[in-house]
Amino acid sequence: MFLAAANKSKKLLYLSFIQQVRVEDLRQGREDVEALLAELPHGFRVLADLDRLESMEAACVTEIGKVMELCDQKGVGLVVRVVPDATKDIGLNILTLFHYRRRPRAVVCQTMSEAAKLLSL
């Protein structure tokens, strides 16, 4: 499952990857991301939560890249990833090199508490 939500006042886009993530989950979620991005200002922040991720289809890489490109076009300023288990890192740093032209600052946290503190939530 993939869930996208936004908090306009905190300039935050929240992306959650839960249990088994399929390509179709991300395709459907990309429409939500596009709508949410329309409400966020330039310089917004992304919080990508992989804490509850169990597995992801390899083909999801293409869809994640498309979401990154949407964020790049909108002017993302900071990307914070919650990755408590290094084996759950699906190559996001490598994807960042190919899909973010502006290269936003990216930080990896082990816990949501650490990410929340970093984002002043």
PDB file of N, CA and C in Angstrom:
ATOM      1  N   MET A   1       0.843  -1.171   0.000  1.00  0.00           N
ATOM      2  CA  MET A   1       0.000   0.000   0.000  1.00  0.00           C
ATOM      3  C   MET A   1       0.893   1.240   0.000  1.00  0.00           C
ATOM      4  N   PHE A   2       0.392   2.288  -0.633  1.00  0.00           N
ATOM      5  CA  PHE A   2       1.086   3.574  -0.686  1.00  0.00           C
ATOM      6  C   PHE A   2       0.087   4.651  -0.295  1.00  0.00           C
ATOM      7  N   LEU A   3       0.485   5.527   0.599  1.00  0.00           N
ATOM      8  CA  LEU A   3      -0.382   6.598   1.074  1.00  0.00           C
ATOM      9  C   LEU A   3       0.345   7.921   0.935  1.00  0.00           C
ATOM     10  N   ALA A   4      -0.336   8.913   0.371  1.00  0.00           N
ATOM     11  CA  ALA A   4       0.214  10.267   0.254  1.00  0.00           C
ATOM     12  C   ALA A   4      -0.735  11.233   0.939  1.00  0.00           C
ATOM     13  N   ALA A   5      -0.169  12.151   1.712  1.00  0.00           N
ATOM     14  CA  ALA A   5      -0.953  13.177   2.402  1.00  0.00           C
ATOM     15  C   ALA A   5      -0.100  14.434   2.470  1.00  0.00           C
ATOM     16  N   ALA A   6      -0.750  15.560   2.730  1.00  0.00           N
ATOM     17  CA  ALA A   6      -0.011  16.819   2.817  1.00  0.00           C
ATOM     18  C   ALA A   6      -0.526  17.657   3.970  1.00  0.00           C
ATOM     19  N   ASN A   7       0.372  18.466   4.509  1.00  0.00           N
ATOM     20  CA  ASN A   7       0.028  19.462   5.506  1.00  0.00           C
ATOM     21  C   ASN A   7       0.512  20.792   4.947  1.00  0.00           C
ATOM     22  N   LYS A   8      -0.428  21.574   4.455  1.00  0.00           N
ATOM     23  CA  LYS A   8      -0.089  22.828   3.777  1.00  0.00           C
ATOM     24  C   LYS A   8       0.607  23.812   4.710  1.00  0.00           C
ATOM     25  N   SER A   9       0.135  23.934   5.954  1.00  0.00           N
ATOM     26  CA  SER A   9       0.718  24.910   6.876  1.00  0.00           C
ATOM     27  C   SER A   9       2.163  24.560   7.253  1.00  0.00           C
ATOM     28  N   LYS A  10       2.493  23.274   7.227  1.00  0.00           N
ATOM     29  CA  LYS A  10       3.863  22.851   7.542  1.00  0.00           C
ATOM     30  C   LYS A  10       4.694  22.644   6.277  1.00  0.00           C
ATOM     31  N   LYS A  11       4.099  22.928   5.117  1.00  0.00           N
ATOM     32  CA  LYS A  11       4.771  22.763   3.820  1.00  0.00           C
ATOM     33  C   LYS A  11       5.374  21.358   3.694  1.00  0.00           C
ATOM     34  N   LEU A  12       4.523  20.350   3.953  1.00  0.00           N
ATOM     35  CA  LEU A  12       5.008  18.980   4.047  1.00  0.00           C
ATOM     36  C   LEU A  12       4.169  18.022   3.204  1.00  0.00           C
ATOM     37  N   LEU A  13       4.840  17.220   2.411  1.00  0.00           N
ATOM     38  CA  LEU A  13       4.231  16.115   1.685  1.00  0.00           C
ATOM     39  C   LEU A  13       4.686  14.841   2.363  1.00  0.00           C
ATOM     40  N   TYR A  14       3.741  14.015   2.805  1.00  0.00           N
ATOM     41  CA  TYR A  14       4.045  12.780   3.519  1.00  0.00           C
ATOM     42  C   TYR A  14       3.756  11.600   2.594  1.00  0.00           C
ATOM     43  N   LEU A  15       4.745  10.746   2.404  1.00  0.00           N
ATOM     44  CA  LEU A  15       4.612   9.557   1.568  1.00  0.00           C
ATOM     45  C   LEU A  15       4.910   8.342   2.431  1.00  0.00           C
ATOM     46  N   SER A  16       3.944   7.431   2.530  1.00  0.00           N
ATOM     47  CA  SER A  16       4.104   6.258   3.375  1.00  0.00           C
ATOM     48  C   SER A  16       4.021   4.986   2.540  1.00  0.00           C
ATOM     49  N   PHE A  17       5.013   4.138   2.709  1.00  0.00           N
ATOM     50  CA  PHE A  17       5.087   2.856   2.019  1.00  0.00           C
ATOM     51  C   PHE A  17       4.788   1.781   3.061  1.00  0.00           C
ATOM     52  N   ILE A  18       3.667   1.068   2.889  1.00  0.00           N
ATOM     53  CA  ILE A  18       3.159   0.181   3.933  1.00  0.00           C
ATOM     54  C   ILE A  18       3.051  -1.253   3.419  1.00  0.00           C
ATOM     55  N   GLN A  19       3.601  -2.168   4.151  1.00  0.00           N
ATOM     56  CA  GLN A  19       3.595  -3.612   3.869  1.00  0.00           C
ATOM     57  C   GLN A  19       4.095  -3.909   2.456  1.00  0.00           C
ATOM     58  N   GLN A  20       3.284  -4.550   1.625  1.00  0.00           N
ATOM     59  CA  GLN A  20       3.701  -4.882   0.269  1.00  0.00           C
ATOM     60  C   GLN A  20       3.245  -3.769  -0.676  1.00  0.00           C
ATOM     61  N   VAL A  21       4.201  -3.147  -1.356  1.00  0.00           N
ATOM     62  CA  VAL A  21       3.881  -2.058  -2.277  1.00  0.00           C
ATOM     63  C   VAL A  21       4.000  -2.589  -3.703  1.00  0.00           C
ATOM     64  N   ARG A  22       2.919  -2.385  -4.459  1.00  0.00           N
ATOM     65  CA  ARG A  22       2.859  -2.843  -5.849  1.00  0.00           C
ATOM     66  C   ARG A  22       2.904  -1.642  -6.786  1.00  0.00           C
ATOM     67  N   VAL A  23       3.269  -1.890  -8.017  1.00  0.00           N
ATOM     68  CA  VAL A  23       3.322  -0.831  -9.024  1.00  0.00           C
ATOM     69  C   VAL A  23       1.974  -0.130  -9.121  1.00  0.00           C
ATOM     70  N   GLU A  24       0.908  -0.884  -9.108  1.00  0.00           N
ATOM     71  CA  GLU A  24      -0.425  -0.291  -9.221  1.00  0.00           C
ATOM     72  C   GLU A  24      -0.722   0.650  -8.058  1.00  0.00           C
ATOM     73  N   ASP A  25      -0.239   0.323  -6.867  1.00  0.00           N
ATOM     74  CA  ASP A  25      -0.419   1.215  -5.709  1.00  0.00           C
ATOM     75  C   ASP A  25       0.211   2.573  -5.994  1.00  0.00           C
ATOM     76  N   LEU A  26       1.418   2.546  -6.542  1.00  0.00           N
ATOM     77  CA  LEU A  26       2.134   3.794  -6.817  1.00  0.00           C
ATOM     78  C   LEU A  26       1.527   4.559  -7.986  1.00  0.00           C
ATOM     79  N   ARG A  27       1.034   3.854  -8.985  1.00  0.00           N
ATOM     80  CA  ARG A  27       0.378   4.537 -10.112  1.00  0.00           C
ATOM     81  C   ARG A  27      -0.852   5.300  -9.630  1.00  0.00           C
ATOM     82  N   GLN A  28      -1.657   4.637  -8.824  1.00  0.00           N
ATOM     83  CA  GLN A  28      -2.850   5.293  -8.288  1.00  0.00           C
ATOM     84  C   GLN A  28      -2.462   6.426  -7.346  1.00  0.00           C
ATOM     85  N   GLY A  29      -1.451   6.204  -6.532  1.00  0.00           N
ATOM     86  CA  GLY A  29      -1.006   7.216  -5.582  1.00  0.00           C
ATOM     87  C   GLY A  29      -0.386   8.430  -6.246  1.00  0.00           C
ATOM     88  N   ARG A  30       0.182   8.243  -7.427  1.00  0.00           N
ATOM     89  CA  ARG A  30       0.804   9.378  -8.127  1.00  0.00           C
ATOM     90  C   ARG A  30      -0.232  10.458  -8.436  1.00  0.00           C
ATOM     91  N   GLU A  31      -1.449  10.068  -8.743  1.00  0.00           N
ATOM     92  CA  GLU A  31      -2.518  11.047  -8.977  1.00  0.00           C
ATOM     93  C   GLU A  31      -2.773  11.862  -7.715  1.00  0.00           C
ATOM     94  N   ASP A  32      -2.767  11.198  -6.566  1.00  0.00           N
ATOM     95  CA  ASP A  32      -2.942  11.904  -5.292  1.00  0.00           C
ATOM     96  C   ASP A  32      -1.786  12.877  -5.058  1.00  0.00           C
ATOM     97  N   VAL A  33      -0.570  12.419  -5.350  1.00  0.00           N
ATOM     98  CA  VAL A  33       0.608  13.268  -5.165  1.00  0.00           C
ATOM     99  C   VAL A  33       0.494  14.517  -6.025  1.00  0.00           C
ATOM    100  N   GLU A  34       0.082  14.363  -7.277  1.00  0.00           N
ATOM    101  CA  GLU A  34      -0.066  15.522  -8.166  1.00  0.00           C
ATOM    102  C   GLU A  34      -1.052  16.533  -7.586  1.00  0.00           C
ATOM    103  N   ALA A  35      -2.178  16.062  -7.077  1.00  0.00           N
ATOM    104  CA  ALA A  35      -3.177  16.959  -6.498  1.00  0.00           C
ATOM    105  C   ALA A  35      -2.643  17.640  -5.242  1.00  0.00           C
ATOM    106  N   LEU A  36      -1.936  16.900  -4.403  1.00  0.00           N
ATOM    107  CA  LEU A  36      -1.388  17.462  -3.173  1.00  0.00           C
ATOM    108  C   LEU A  36      -0.299  18.493  -3.465  1.00  0.00           C
ATOM    109  N   LEU A  37       0.522  18.228  -4.457  1.00  0.00           N
ATOM    110  CA  LEU A  37       1.584  19.167  -4.806  1.00  0.00           C
ATOM    111  C   LEU A  37       1.042  20.506  -5.271  1.00  0.00           C
ATOM    112  N   ALA A  38      -0.123  20.502  -5.873  1.00  0.00           N
ATOM    113  CA  ALA A  38      -0.726  21.748  -6.347  1.00  0.00           C
ATOM    114  C   ALA A  38      -1.000  22.708  -5.193  1.00  0.00           C
ATOM    115  N   GLU A  39      -1.117  22.178  -3.984  1.00  0.00           N
ATOM    116  CA  GLU A  39      -1.425  22.998  -2.812  1.00  0.00           C
ATOM    117  C   GLU A  39      -0.182  23.425  -2.024  1.00  0.00           C
ATOM    118  N   LEU A  40       0.984  22.891  -2.383  1.00  0.00           N
ATOM    119  CA  LEU A  40       2.198  23.170  -1.607  1.00  0.00           C
ATOM    120  C   LEU A  40       3.054  24.235  -2.285  1.00  0.00           C
ATOM    121  N   PRO A  41       3.703  25.077  -1.485  1.00  0.00           N
ATOM    122  CA  PRO A  41       4.545  26.130  -2.051  1.00  0.00           C
ATOM    123  C   PRO A  41       5.929  25.625  -2.453  1.00  0.00           C
ATOM    124  N   HIS A  42       6.599  26.395  -3.263  1.00  0.00           N
ATOM    125  CA  HIS A  42       7.994  26.118  -3.620  1.00  0.00           C
ATOM    126  C   HIS A  42       8.817  26.005  -2.336  1.00  0.00           C
ATOM    127  N   GLY A  43       9.734  25.046  -2.286  1.00  0.00           N
ATOM    128  CA  GLY A  43      10.538  24.852  -1.085  1.00  0.00           C
ATOM    129  C   GLY A  43       9.908  23.912  -0.074  1.00  0.00           C
ATOM    130  N   PHE A  44       8.822  23.242  -0.454  1.00  0.00           N
ATOM    131  CA  PHE A  44       8.160  22.310   0.467  1.00  0.00           C
ATOM    132  C   PHE A  44       9.106  21.158   0.821  1.00  0.00           C
ATOM    133  N   ARG A  45       8.699  20.381   1.816  1.00  0.00           N
ATOM    134  CA  ARG A  45       9.498  19.261   2.289  1.00  0.00           C
ATOM    135  C   ARG A  45       8.760  17.948   2.069  1.00  0.00           C
ATOM    136  N   VAL A  46       9.511  16.878   1.870  1.00  0.00           N
ATOM    137  CA  VAL A  46       8.937  15.543   1.710  1.00  0.00           C
ATOM    138  C   VAL A  46       9.396  14.682   2.880  1.00  0.00           C
ATOM    139  N   LEU A  47       8.448  13.973   3.470  1.00  0.00           N
ATOM    140  CA  LEU A  47       8.752  12.977   4.493  1.00  0.00           C
ATOM    141  C   LEU A  47       8.343  11.625   3.919  1.00  0.00           C
ATOM    142  N   ALA A  48       9.324  10.809   3.583  1.00  0.00           N
ATOM    143  CA  ALA A  48       9.083   9.475   3.025  1.00  0.00           C
ATOM    144  C   ALA A  48       9.280   8.450   4.131  1.00  0.00           C
ATOM    145  N   ASP A  49       8.218   7.756   4.487  1.00  0.00           N
ATOM    146  CA  ASP A  49       8.214   6.827   5.613  1.00  0.00           C
ATOM    147  C   ASP A  49       8.258   5.384   5.097  1.00  0.00           C
ATOM    148  N   LEU A  50       9.397   4.736   5.284  1.00  0.00           N
ATOM    149  CA  LEU A  50       9.554   3.341   4.887  1.00  0.00           C
ATOM    150  C   LEU A  50       9.568   2.412   6.098  1.00  0.00           C
ATOM    151  N   ASP A  51       9.152   2.917   7.239  1.00  0.00           N
ATOM    152  CA  ASP A  51       9.183   2.151   8.480  1.00  0.00           C
ATOM    153  C   ASP A  51       8.345   0.876   8.395  1.00  0.00           C
ATOM    154  N   ARG A  52       7.199   0.943   7.756  1.00  0.00           N
ATOM    155  CA  ARG A  52       6.291  -0.213   7.705  1.00  0.00           C
ATOM    156  C   ARG A  52       6.386  -0.992   6.390  1.00  0.00           C
ATOM    157  N   LEU A  53       7.380  -0.666   5.575  1.00  0.00           N
ATOM    158  CA  LEU A  53       7.568  -1.361   4.310  1.00  0.00           C
ATOM    159  C   LEU A  53       8.089  -2.772   4.559  1.00  0.00           C
ATOM    160  N   GLU A  54       7.415  -3.756   3.961  1.00  0.00           N
ATOM    161  CA  GLU A  54       7.871  -5.143   4.037  1.00  0.00           C
ATOM    162  C   GLU A  54       8.539  -5.556   2.736  1.00  0.00           C
ATOM    163  N   SER A  55       7.918  -5.203   1.613  1.00  0.00           N
ATOM    164  CA  SER A  55       8.492  -5.535   0.310  1.00  0.00           C
ATOM    165  C   SER A  55       7.921  -4.595  -0.746  1.00  0.00           C
ATOM    166  N   MET A  56       8.661  -4.505  -1.855  1.00  0.00           N
ATOM    167  CA  MET A  56       8.227  -3.644  -2.950  1.00  0.00           C
ATOM    168  C   MET A  56       8.599  -4.326  -4.265  1.00  0.00           C
ATOM    169  N   GLU A  57       7.670  -4.307  -5.210  1.00  0.00           N
ATOM    170  CA  GLU A  57       7.964  -4.863  -6.525  1.00  0.00           C
ATOM    171  C   GLU A  57       9.086  -4.059  -7.171  1.00  0.00           C
ATOM    172  N   ALA A  58       9.985  -4.749  -7.837  1.00  0.00           N
ATOM    173  CA  ALA A  58      11.122  -4.086  -8.484  1.00  0.00           C
ATOM    174  C   ALA A  58      10.672  -3.037  -9.496  1.00  0.00           C
ATOM    175  N   ALA A  59       9.568  -3.269 -10.141  1.00  0.00           N
ATOM    176  CA  ALA A  59       9.059  -2.333 -11.155  1.00  0.00           C
ATOM    177  C   ALA A  59       8.582  -1.014 -10.549  1.00  0.00           C
ATOM    178  N   CYS A  60       8.501  -0.928  -9.239  1.00  0.00           N
ATOM    179  CA  CYS A  60       8.082   0.312  -8.571  1.00  0.00           C
ATOM    180  C   CYS A  60       9.104   1.433  -8.764  1.00  0.00           C
ATOM    181  N   VAL A  61      10.314   1.078  -9.104  1.00  0.00           N
ATOM    182  CA  VAL A  61      11.380   2.068  -9.284  1.00  0.00           C
ATOM    183  C   VAL A  61      10.959   3.144 -10.284  1.00  0.00           C
ATOM    184  N   THR A  62      10.330   2.739 -11.371  1.00  0.00           N
ATOM    185  CA  THR A  62       9.895   3.702 -12.391  1.00  0.00           C
ATOM    186  C   THR A  62       8.873   4.679 -11.825  1.00  0.00           C
ATOM    187  N   GLU A  63       7.918   4.189 -11.076  1.00  0.00           N
ATOM    188  CA  GLU A  63       6.883   5.055 -10.495  1.00  0.00           C
ATOM    189  C   GLU A  63       7.462   5.980  -9.430  1.00  0.00           C
ATOM    190  N   ILE A  64       8.382   5.481  -8.625  1.00  0.00           N
ATOM    191  CA  ILE A  64       9.020   6.333  -7.616  1.00  0.00           C
ATOM    192  C   ILE A  64       9.782   7.453  -8.307  1.00  0.00           C
ATOM    193  N   GLY A  65      10.453   7.126  -9.397  1.00  0.00           N
ATOM    194  CA  GLY A  65      11.161   8.149 -10.174  1.00  0.00           C
ATOM    195  C   GLY A  65      10.219   9.219 -10.692  1.00  0.00           C
ATOM    196  N   LYS A  66       9.025   8.841 -11.119  1.00  0.00           N
ATOM    197  CA  LYS A  66       8.043   9.813 -11.609  1.00  0.00           C
ATOM    198  C   LYS A  66       7.578  10.729 -10.485  1.00  0.00           C
ATOM    199  N   VAL A  67       7.393  10.181  -9.294  1.00  0.00           N
ATOM    200  CA  VAL A  67       7.006  11.002  -8.136  1.00  0.00           C
ATOM    201  C   VAL A  67       8.130  11.968  -7.799  1.00  0.00           C
ATOM    202  N   MET A  68       9.360  11.499  -7.837  1.00  0.00           N
ATOM    203  CA  MET A  68      10.507  12.381  -7.582  1.00  0.00           C
ATOM    204  C   MET A  68      10.536  13.531  -8.591  1.00  0.00           C
ATOM    205  N   GLU A  69      10.283  13.228  -9.844  1.00  0.00           N
ATOM    206  CA  GLU A  69      10.283  14.265 -10.880  1.00  0.00           C
ATOM    207  C   GLU A  69       9.168  15.281 -10.663  1.00  0.00           C
ATOM    208  N   LEU A  70       8.002  14.817 -10.218  1.00  0.00           N
ATOM    209  CA  LEU A  70       6.911  15.747  -9.897  1.00  0.00           C
ATOM    210  C   LEU A  70       7.338  16.684  -8.763  1.00  0.00           C
ATOM    211  N   CYS A  71       7.970  16.123  -7.736  1.00  0.00           N
ATOM    212  CA  CYS A  71       8.436  16.932  -6.607  1.00  0.00           C
ATOM    213  C   CYS A  71       9.503  17.917  -7.062  1.00  0.00           C
ATOM    214  N   ASP A  72      10.386  17.477  -7.922  1.00  0.00           N
ATOM    215  CA  ASP A  72      11.443  18.344  -8.445  1.00  0.00           C
ATOM    216  C   ASP A  72      10.845  19.510  -9.224  1.00  0.00           C
ATOM    217  N   GLN A  73       9.872  19.234 -10.058  1.00  0.00           N
ATOM    218  CA  GLN A  73       9.225  20.287 -10.856  1.00  0.00           C
ATOM    219  C   GLN A  73       8.543  21.317  -9.966  1.00  0.00           C
ATOM    220  N   LYS A  74       8.020  20.870  -8.840  1.00  0.00           N
ATOM    221  CA  LYS A  74       7.325  21.768  -7.916  1.00  0.00           C
ATOM    222  C   LYS A  74       8.298  22.547  -7.018  1.00  0.00           C
ATOM    223  N   GLY A  75       9.574  22.109  -6.944  1.00  0.00           N
ATOM    224  CA  GLY A  75      10.571  22.849  -6.174  1.00  0.00           C
ATOM    225  C   GLY A  75      10.792  22.342  -4.765  1.00  0.00           C
ATOM    226  N   VAL A  76      10.849  21.032  -4.567  1.00  0.00           N
ATOM    227  CA  VAL A  76      11.104  20.461  -3.247  1.00  0.00           C
ATOM    228  C   VAL A  76      12.431  20.981  -2.703  1.00  0.00           C
ATOM    229  N   GLY A  77      12.432  21.311  -1.415  1.00  0.00           N
ATOM    230  CA  GLY A  77      13.636  21.846  -0.788  1.00  0.00           C
ATOM    231  C   GLY A  77      14.368  20.850   0.094  1.00  0.00           C
ATOM    232  N   LEU A  78      13.626  19.907   0.693  1.00  0.00           N
ATOM    233  CA  LEU A  78      14.216  18.952   1.620  1.00  0.00           C
ATOM    234  C   LEU A  78      13.468  17.635   1.518  1.00  0.00           C
ATOM    235  N   VAL A  79      14.215  16.544   1.506  1.00  0.00           N
ATOM    236  CA  VAL A  79      13.631  15.199   1.514  1.00  0.00           C
ATOM    237  C   VAL A  79      14.159  14.479   2.739  1.00  0.00           C
ATOM    238  N   VAL A  80      13.242  14.045   3.607  1.00  0.00           N
ATOM    239  CA  VAL A  80      13.607  13.297   4.803  1.00  0.00           C
ATOM    240  C   VAL A  80      13.025  11.896   4.647  1.00  0.00           C
ATOM    241  N   ARG A  81      13.887  10.910   4.783  1.00  0.00           N
ATOM    242  CA  ARG A  81      13.451   9.516   4.648  1.00  0.00           C
ATOM    243  C   ARG A  81      13.607   8.802   5.980  1.00  0.00           C
ATOM    244  N   VAL A  82      12.585   8.063   6.379  1.00  0.00           N
ATOM    245  CA  VAL A  82      12.657   7.228   7.574  1.00  0.00           C
ATOM    246  C   VAL A  82      12.904   5.798   7.095  1.00  0.00           C
ATOM    247  N   VAL A  83      14.121   5.323   7.356  1.00  0.00           N
ATOM    248  CA  VAL A  83      14.534   3.984   6.928  1.00  0.00           C
ATOM    249  C   VAL A  83      15.197   3.305   8.124  1.00  0.00           C
ATOM    250  N   PRO A  84      14.402   2.621   8.967  1.00  0.00           N
ATOM    251  CA  PRO A  84      14.955   2.021  10.173  1.00  0.00           C
ATOM    252  C   PRO A  84      15.833   0.800   9.913  1.00  0.00           C
ATOM    253  N   ASP A  85      15.645   0.176   8.779  1.00  0.00           N
ATOM    254  CA  ASP A  85      16.380  -1.033   8.429  1.00  0.00           C
ATOM    255  C   ASP A  85      17.032  -0.798   7.068  1.00  0.00           C
ATOM    256  N   ALA A  86      18.343  -0.806   7.027  1.00  0.00           N
ATOM    257  CA  ALA A  86      19.066  -0.506   5.792  1.00  0.00           C
ATOM    258  C   ALA A  86      18.679  -1.429   4.643  1.00  0.00           C
ATOM    259  N   THR A  87      18.188  -2.622   4.942  1.00  0.00           N
ATOM    260  CA  THR A  87      17.763  -3.532   3.869  1.00  0.00           C
ATOM    261  C   THR A  87      16.481  -3.054   3.199  1.00  0.00           C
ATOM    262  N   LYS A  88      15.786  -2.093   3.825  1.00  0.00           N
ATOM    263  CA  LYS A  88      14.571  -1.533   3.229  1.00  0.00           C
ATOM    264  C   LYS A  88      14.873  -0.352   2.305  1.00  0.00           C
ATOM    265  N   ASP A  89      16.135   0.063   2.276  1.00  0.00           N
ATOM    266  CA  ASP A  89      16.510   1.147   1.368  1.00  0.00           C
ATOM    267  C   ASP A  89      16.485   0.579  -0.040  1.00  0.00           C
ATOM    268  N   ILE A  90      15.584   1.084  -0.829  1.00  0.00           N
ATOM    269  CA  ILE A  90      15.335   0.546  -2.165  1.00  0.00           C
ATOM    270  C   ILE A  90      16.126   1.290  -3.235  1.00  0.00           C
ATOM    271  N   GLY A  91      17.225   1.897  -2.843  1.00  0.00           N
ATOM    272  CA  GLY A  91      18.061   2.613  -3.803  1.00  0.00           C
ATOM    273  C   GLY A  91      17.622   4.041  -4.041  1.00  0.00           C
ATOM    274  N   LEU A  92      17.028   4.666  -3.037  1.00  0.00           N
ATOM    275  CA  LEU A  92      16.516   6.026  -3.211  1.00  0.00           C
ATOM    276  C   LEU A  92      17.621   7.041  -3.478  1.00  0.00           C
ATOM    277  N   ASN A  93      18.795   6.854  -2.894  1.00  0.00           N
ATOM    278  CA  ASN A  93      19.891   7.785  -3.165  1.00  0.00           C
ATOM    279  C   ASN A  93      20.287   7.750  -4.638  1.00  0.00           C
ATOM    280  N   ILE A  94      20.320   6.569  -5.218  1.00  0.00           N
ATOM    281  CA  ILE A  94      20.649   6.440  -6.641  1.00  0.00           C
ATOM    282  C   ILE A  94      19.543   7.051  -7.497  1.00  0.00           C
ATOM    283  N   LEU A  95      18.296   6.782  -7.144  1.00  0.00           N
ATOM    284  CA  LEU A  95      17.172   7.366  -7.894  1.00  0.00           C
ATOM    285  C   LEU A  95      17.213   8.893  -7.841  1.00  0.00           C
ATOM    286  N   THR A  96      17.618   9.422  -6.693  1.00  0.00           N
ATOM    287  CA  THR A  96      17.712  10.873  -6.532  1.00  0.00           C
ATOM    288  C   THR A  96      18.650  11.485  -7.571  1.00  0.00           C
ATOM    289  N   LEU A  97      19.746  10.831  -7.854  1.00  0.00           N
ATOM    290  CA  LEU A  97      20.712  11.345  -8.830  1.00  0.00           C
ATOM    291  C   LEU A  97      20.107  11.491 -10.221  1.00  0.00           C
ATOM    292  N   PHE A  98      19.172  10.628 -10.559  1.00  0.00           N
ATOM    293  CA  PHE A  98      18.592  10.629 -11.902  1.00  0.00           C
ATOM    294  C   PHE A  98      17.290  11.417 -12.032  1.00  0.00           C
ATOM    295  N   HIS A  99      16.593  11.649 -10.914  1.00  0.00           N
ATOM    296  CA  HIS A  99      15.250  12.229 -11.014  1.00  0.00           C
ATOM    297  C   HIS A  99      15.087  13.606 -10.387  1.00  0.00           C
ATOM    298  N   TYR A 100      16.107  14.105  -9.689  1.00  0.00           N
ATOM    299  CA  TYR A 100      16.051  15.454  -9.129  1.00  0.00           C
ATOM    300  C   TYR A 100      17.105  16.303  -9.824  1.00  0.00           C
ATOM    301  N   ARG A 101      16.693  17.187 -10.692  1.00  0.00           N
ATOM    302  CA  ARG A 101      17.641  18.079 -11.356  1.00  0.00           C
ATOM    303  C   ARG A 101      18.215  19.087 -10.377  1.00  0.00           C
ATOM    304  N   ARG A 102      17.403  19.543  -9.417  1.00  0.00           N
ATOM    305  CA  ARG A 102      17.822  20.593  -8.483  1.00  0.00           C
ATOM    306  C   ARG A 102      18.537  20.053  -7.245  1.00  0.00           C
ATOM    307  N   ARG A 103      18.565  18.772  -7.063  1.00  0.00           N
ATOM    308  CA  ARG A 103      19.239  18.110  -5.951  1.00  0.00           C
ATOM    309  C   ARG A 103      18.866  18.696  -4.583  1.00  0.00           C
ATOM    310  N   PRO A 104      17.662  18.402  -4.104  1.00  0.00           N
ATOM    311  CA  PRO A 104      17.293  18.900  -2.771  1.00  0.00           C
ATOM    312  C   PRO A 104      18.158  18.242  -1.696  1.00  0.00           C
ATOM    313  N   ARG A 105      18.235  18.871  -0.567  1.00  0.00           N
ATOM    314  CA  ARG A 105      18.938  18.275   0.574  1.00  0.00           C
ATOM    315  C   ARG A 105      18.171  17.008   0.967  1.00  0.00           C
ATOM    316  N   ALA A 106      18.884  15.929   1.217  1.00  0.00           N
ATOM    317  CA  ALA A 106      18.250  14.664   1.605  1.00  0.00           C
ATOM    318  C   ALA A 106      18.887  14.161   2.894  1.00  0.00           C
ATOM    319  N   VAL A 107      18.016  13.726   3.815  1.00  0.00           N
ATOM    320  CA  VAL A 107      18.469  13.227   5.113  1.00  0.00           C
ATOM    321  C   VAL A 107      17.770  11.900   5.375  1.00  0.00           C
ATOM    322  N   VAL A 108      18.519  10.930   5.868  1.00  0.00           N
ATOM    323  CA  VAL A 108      17.944   9.638   6.231  1.00  0.00           C
ATOM    324  C   VAL A 108      17.935   9.528   7.751  1.00  0.00           C
ATOM    325  N   CYS A 109      16.762   9.179   8.291  1.00  0.00           N
ATOM    326  CA  CYS A 109      16.590   9.004   9.735  1.00  0.00           C
ATOM    327  C   CYS A 109      16.218   7.551  10.008  1.00  0.00           C
ATOM    328  N   GLN A 110      16.536   7.085  11.200  1.00  0.00           N
ATOM    329  CA  GLN A 110      16.168   5.722  11.568  1.00  0.00           C
ATOM    330  C   GLN A 110      14.784   5.642  12.193  1.00  0.00           C
ATOM    331  N   THR A 111      14.301   6.742  12.774  1.00  0.00           N
ATOM    332  CA  THR A 111      12.997   6.719  13.436  1.00  0.00           C
ATOM    333  C   THR A 111      12.154   7.918  12.999  1.00  0.00           C
ATOM    334  N   MET A 112      10.873   7.762  13.151  1.00  0.00           N
ATOM    335  CA  MET A 112       9.961   8.866  12.850  1.00  0.00           C
ATOM    336  C   MET A 112      10.171  10.002  13.840  1.00  0.00           C
ATOM    337  N   SER A 113      10.512   9.687  15.079  1.00  0.00           N
ATOM    338  CA  SER A 113      10.777  10.729  16.074  1.00  0.00           C
ATOM    339  C   SER A 113      11.948  11.600  15.646  1.00  0.00           C
ATOM    340  N   GLU A 114      12.992  10.970  15.147  1.00  0.00           N
ATOM    341  CA  GLU A 114      14.158  11.704  14.655  1.00  0.00           C
ATOM    342  C   GLU A 114      13.769  12.607  13.477  1.00  0.00           C
ATOM    343  N   ALA A 115      12.958  12.063  12.575  1.00  0.00           N
ATOM    344  CA  ALA A 115      12.506  12.848  11.414  1.00  0.00           C
ATOM    345  C   ALA A 115      11.628  14.016  11.848  1.00  0.00           C
ATOM    346  N   ALA A 116      10.724  13.760  12.792  1.00  0.00           N
ATOM    347  CA  ALA A 116       9.833  14.814  13.275  1.00  0.00           C
ATOM    348  C   ALA A 116      10.624  15.950  13.907  1.00  0.00           C
ATOM    349  N   LYS A 117      11.633  15.615  14.657  1.00  0.00           N
ATOM    350  CA  LYS A 117      12.477  16.626  15.290  1.00  0.00           C
ATOM    351  C   LYS A 117      13.200  17.449  14.220  1.00  0.00           C
ATOM    352  N   LEU A 118      13.746  16.775  13.224  1.00  0.00           N
ATOM    353  CA  LEU A 118      14.450  17.439  12.134  1.00  0.00           C
ATOM    354  C   LEU A 118      13.529  18.401  11.383  1.00  0.00           C
ATOM    355  N   LEU A 119      12.270  17.988  11.213  1.00  0.00           N
ATOM    356  CA  LEU A 119      11.281  18.793  10.480  1.00  0.00           C
ATOM    357  C   LEU A 119      10.539  19.788  11.379  1.00  0.00           C
ATOM    358  N   SER A 120      10.851  19.808  12.661  1.00  0.00           N
ATOM    359  CA  SER A 120      10.164  20.661  13.640  1.00  0.00           C
ATOM    360  C   SER A 120       8.656  20.416  13.639  1.00  0.00           C
ATOM    361  N   LEU A 121       8.269  19.168  13.675  1.00  0.00           N
ATOM    362  CA  LEU A 121       6.832  18.808  13.688  1.00  0.00           C
ATOM    363  C   LEU A 121       6.339  18.669  15.116  1.00  0.00           C
TER     364      LEU A 121
END
